[in-house]
Protein backbone atom coordinates (compact mmCIF):
# COMPACT_ATOMS: atom_id res chain seq x y z
CA MET A 1 78.75 127.53 76.43
CA SER A 2 77.58 127.67 72.82
CA GLN A 3 76.83 131.37 73.20
CA LEU A 4 80.37 132.32 74.23
CA THR A 5 81.83 134.96 71.95
CA ALA A 6 85.39 134.92 70.67
CA ILE A 7 86.24 137.52 73.30
CA ASP A 8 84.80 135.34 76.07
CA ARG A 9 86.79 132.28 75.04
CA LEU A 10 90.27 131.75 76.39
CA HIS A 11 93.25 130.73 74.29
CA PRO A 12 94.10 127.01 74.69
CA ALA A 13 97.68 128.05 75.49
CA LEU A 14 96.44 129.50 78.78
CA ILE A 15 94.90 126.15 79.75
CA ALA A 16 98.11 124.34 78.79
CA THR A 17 100.08 126.77 80.96
CA ILE A 18 97.72 126.25 83.90
CA ILE A 19 98.08 122.46 83.62
CA PHE A 20 101.88 122.73 83.36
CA VAL A 21 102.10 124.92 86.46
CA ILE A 22 99.82 122.60 88.48
CA ALA A 23 101.81 119.50 87.46
CA SER A 24 105.12 121.19 88.24
CA ALA A 25 103.94 122.27 91.69
CA ASN A 26 102.83 118.71 92.42
CA LEU A 27 106.22 117.23 91.50
CA ILE A 28 108.16 119.86 93.43
CA ALA A 29 105.98 119.45 96.52
CA HIS A 30 106.48 115.68 96.62
CA TYR A 31 110.05 115.23 95.42
CA ALA A 32 111.97 118.37 96.40
CA HIS A 33 113.48 118.89 99.84
CA GLY A 34 113.50 121.73 102.32
CA ARG A 35 111.63 123.09 105.30
CA ALA A 36 109.35 125.30 103.22
CA ILE A 37 108.26 122.55 100.82
CA PHE A 38 104.78 122.45 102.38
CA LEU A 39 104.23 125.99 101.10
CA VAL A 40 104.67 125.06 97.43
CA ILE A 41 101.07 124.08 96.61
CA PRO A 42 99.32 126.81 98.63
CA THR A 43 101.65 129.45 97.18
CA THR A 44 101.16 128.10 93.67
CA ALA A 45 97.38 128.26 94.09
CA LEU A 46 97.49 131.92 95.13
CA LEU A 47 99.96 132.96 92.43
CA LEU A 48 98.20 131.00 89.69
CA GLY A 49 94.86 132.45 90.74
CA ALA A 50 96.27 135.98 90.51
CA ALA A 51 97.93 135.24 87.17
CA ALA A 52 94.71 133.75 85.78
CA LEU A 53 92.78 136.90 86.70
CA VAL A 54 95.37 139.03 84.94
CA SER A 55 95.25 136.71 81.90
CA GLY A 56 91.49 136.95 81.34
CA LEU A 57 89.62 134.95 83.95
CA ARG A 58 87.16 136.79 86.18
CA TRP A 59 86.45 136.44 89.88
CA ARG A 60 83.12 134.89 88.91
CA ASP A 61 84.92 132.25 86.83
CA LEU A 62 86.67 131.17 90.04
CA GLY A 63 83.37 130.96 91.95
CA VAL A 64 84.58 133.18 94.78
CA THR A 65 82.58 136.40 94.57
CA PRO A 66 80.73 137.25 97.82
CA ALA A 67 77.38 136.54 96.17
CA GLN A 68 78.56 133.14 94.93
CA LEU A 69 79.95 132.15 98.32
CA ARG A 70 76.72 133.14 100.07
CA ALA A 71 74.65 131.17 97.57
CA GLY A 72 76.84 128.10 98.09
CA LEU A 73 76.64 128.13 101.88
CA PRO A 74 73.47 125.95 102.22
CA TRP A 75 74.89 123.38 99.79
CA ALA A 76 78.17 123.35 101.71
CA ALA A 77 76.41 122.68 105.00
CA VAL A 78 74.33 119.85 103.57
CA VAL A 79 77.14 117.98 101.82
CA ALA A 80 79.50 118.29 104.80
CA ALA A 81 76.85 117.03 107.23
CA ALA A 82 75.99 114.12 104.93
CA VAL A 83 79.62 113.00 104.75
CA VAL A 84 80.04 113.21 108.53
CA VAL A 85 77.01 110.96 109.07
CA ILE A 86 78.16 108.44 106.46
CA ILE A 87 81.67 108.24 107.94
CA LEU A 88 80.34 107.76 111.46
CA VAL A 89 78.10 104.93 110.30
CA ALA A 90 80.96 103.30 108.37
CA VAL A 91 83.34 103.46 111.35
CA ALA A 92 80.65 101.85 113.52
CA ILE A 93 80.51 98.79 111.22
CA PRO A 94 83.47 96.46 112.02
CA PRO A 95 84.16 95.17 108.47
CA LEU A 96 84.20 98.73 107.10
CA ARG A 97 86.18 100.04 110.06
CA GLU A 98 89.25 98.18 108.78
CA PHE A 99 89.53 100.62 105.88
CA PHE A 100 89.93 103.55 108.28
CA LEU A 101 92.96 102.10 110.06
CA ASP A 102 95.45 104.59 108.65
CA GLU A 103 98.79 104.52 110.47
CA ARG A 104 99.21 108.28 110.03
CA PHE A 105 96.26 109.06 112.28
CA ARG A 106 96.68 106.71 115.23
CA SER A 107 97.02 109.73 117.50
CA PRO A 108 93.85 111.81 118.07
CA ARG A 109 96.03 114.91 118.37
CA THR A 110 97.58 114.24 114.98
CA ALA A 111 94.14 113.59 113.47
CA LEU A 112 92.72 116.84 114.88
CA LEU A 113 95.69 118.85 113.64
CA ALA A 114 95.36 117.27 110.22
CA ALA A 115 91.59 117.75 110.03
CA PHE A 116 91.44 121.39 111.06
CA VAL A 117 94.81 122.83 110.04
CA VAL A 118 96.89 120.77 107.62
CA ILE A 119 94.10 119.42 105.41
CA PRO A 120 92.26 122.75 104.95
CA LEU A 121 95.36 124.91 104.41
CA GLN A 122 97.67 122.54 102.59
CA THR A 123 95.21 120.39 100.64
CA VAL A 124 91.58 121.43 100.35
CA LEU A 125 91.73 125.20 99.82
CA PRO A 126 94.71 125.21 97.40
CA GLU A 127 93.47 122.19 95.43
CA GLU A 128 89.97 123.60 95.07
CA LEU A 129 91.32 126.97 93.96
CA LEU A 130 93.63 125.25 91.48
CA PHE A 131 91.18 122.69 90.05
CA ARG A 132 87.61 123.92 90.55
CA GLY A 133 88.59 127.57 90.55
CA VAL A 134 91.32 128.36 88.01
CA LEU A 135 91.37 125.20 85.87
CA GLN A 136 87.63 124.62 85.71
CA GLY A 137 87.02 128.33 85.20
CA ALA A 138 89.36 128.26 82.20
CA LEU A 139 87.95 125.00 80.83
CA MET A 140 84.38 126.24 81.09
CA ARG A 141 85.33 129.34 79.14
CA THR A 142 86.78 127.21 76.35
CA TRP A 143 84.91 123.90 75.98
CA SER A 144 81.51 122.37 76.67
CA VAL A 145 80.43 121.51 80.20
CA PRO A 146 80.88 117.70 79.85
CA VAL A 147 84.36 118.12 78.36
CA ALA A 148 85.38 120.68 80.97
CA LEU A 149 84.18 118.52 83.86
CA GLY A 150 85.70 115.36 82.40
CA VAL A 151 89.12 116.87 81.71
CA GLY A 152 89.21 118.48 85.13
CA ALA A 153 88.27 115.22 86.85
CA VAL A 154 90.92 113.17 85.02
CA LEU A 155 93.63 115.71 85.81
CA PHE A 156 92.55 115.73 89.46
CA GLY A 157 92.87 111.94 89.52
CA LEU A 158 96.35 112.05 87.99
CA TRP A 159 97.33 114.72 90.51
CA HIS A 160 97.00 112.09 93.24
CA ILE A 161 99.51 109.62 91.78
CA THR A 162 102.41 111.10 93.77
CA SER A 163 100.50 111.31 97.05
CA SER A 164 99.21 107.72 96.87
CA MET A 165 102.53 105.97 96.29
CA ASN A 166 102.50 104.43 99.78
CA LEU A 167 98.75 104.37 100.28
CA ALA A 168 98.55 100.61 100.72
CA GLY A 169 101.44 100.69 103.16
CA ASP A 170 99.77 103.25 105.41
CA ASN A 171 96.25 101.82 105.36
CA LYS A 172 95.83 98.39 106.98
CA GLY A 173 92.42 97.69 105.45
CA LEU A 174 93.54 98.58 101.95
CA ARG A 175 96.78 96.63 102.40
CA ASP A 176 94.79 93.52 103.30
CA VAL A 177 92.83 93.89 100.04
CA VAL A 178 95.54 94.81 97.51
CA GLY A 179 98.49 93.17 99.24
CA SER A 180 101.95 94.53 99.94
CA GLY A 181 105.01 94.93 97.75
CA ASP A 182 105.21 96.50 94.31
CA ALA A 183 101.98 94.95 93.04
CA GLY A 184 100.06 96.23 96.03
CA GLN A 185 101.57 99.68 95.62
CA ILE A 186 100.62 99.86 91.94
CA LEU A 187 97.09 98.64 92.59
CA GLY A 188 96.76 101.10 95.47
CA VAL A 189 97.80 103.98 93.18
CA LEU A 190 95.36 102.87 90.47
CA LEU A 191 92.51 102.68 92.97
CA ALA A 192 93.42 106.11 94.31
CA VAL A 193 93.45 107.62 90.81
CA VAL A 194 90.08 106.09 89.96
CA ALA A 195 88.56 107.22 93.27
CA THR A 196 89.91 110.76 93.05
CA THR A 197 88.86 111.06 89.40
CA ALA A 198 85.32 110.16 90.47
CA ALA A 199 85.59 112.61 93.36
CA GLY A 200 86.88 115.28 90.99
CA LEU A 201 83.86 114.76 88.76
CA VAL A 202 81.53 115.22 91.74
CA PHE A 203 83.45 118.28 92.96
CA GLY A 204 83.39 119.78 89.48
CA TRP A 205 79.69 119.12 89.02
CA LEU A 206 78.96 120.66 92.40
CA ARG A 207 80.98 123.72 91.46
CA TYR A 208 79.09 123.99 88.17
CA LYS A 209 75.65 123.27 89.63
CA THR A 210 75.92 125.75 92.50
CA ASP A 211 78.02 128.38 90.69
CA SER A 212 80.10 128.58 93.87
CA LEU A 213 83.45 127.21 94.99
CA LEU A 214 82.26 126.82 98.59
CA PRO A 215 80.29 123.53 98.25
CA SER A 216 83.17 121.70 96.59
CA ILE A 217 85.50 123.03 99.31
CA ALA A 218 83.10 121.76 101.99
CA LEU A 219 82.73 118.32 100.40
CA HIS A 220 86.47 117.97 99.79
CA TRP A 221 87.24 118.97 103.38
CA ALA A 222 84.56 116.67 104.80
CA LEU A 223 85.87 113.64 102.92
CA ASN A 224 89.50 114.23 103.89
CA ALA A 225 89.04 115.53 107.42
CA THR A 226 86.45 113.01 108.53
CA GLY A 227 88.69 110.33 107.05
CA ALA A 228 91.47 111.43 109.41
CA LEU A 229 89.14 111.76 112.39
CA GLY A 230 87.43 108.48 111.49
CA ALA A 231 90.84 106.79 111.48
CA ALA A 232 91.62 108.03 115.00
CA LEU A 233 88.21 106.79 116.15
CA ALA A 234 88.64 103.45 114.38
CA TRP A 235 91.95 102.80 116.12
CA ARG A 236 90.23 103.42 119.47
CA LEU A 237 87.42 101.00 118.64
């Protein structure tokens, strides 16, 4: 990073614009109404990616060139397989199984649809393009690696405030720990922000370490999808 020239560096206003667009899409997706609301985040990811390329980012900054994706494939396979094994072991242990009892995934059909359609298309791919692609690409072109990874991770954690508002209500195991009511909801949101900030740091490091967006996509998908599938399995057990 210290060897970046003035031409290589991006204007901070571009980063501010990227953050504003991401935050706006999050609020619209969670608080607006309409049949097409589920398209807001995926559409924003595609449009913001295109706009970032026009504004000075390169395909390599996003980690999506063919060479980068090929190089990231072994990492992607390893991290996804590791998560699957860990989740299976956790679901097999009764005290830990409680934390997988998510009301949203009681039905195996719902869990399968979520794991292989909804989560990849509506969550993992757009979020990785937004955060580890566009945002991290811009941050890495402007600040040092630790700052870029830290800022990206914190913003990723804050991104999950809206989606975790009823987290304790949906998850029986978490509800038993944090309680119900307003206090439980607030504590559930705080735990979600902390957890997703930590996850964002790991995703960002993986993106940086492998120079590819594919491993962070694989890890993100594995955590979310196996969580849904693990919930369906936990309800059966």
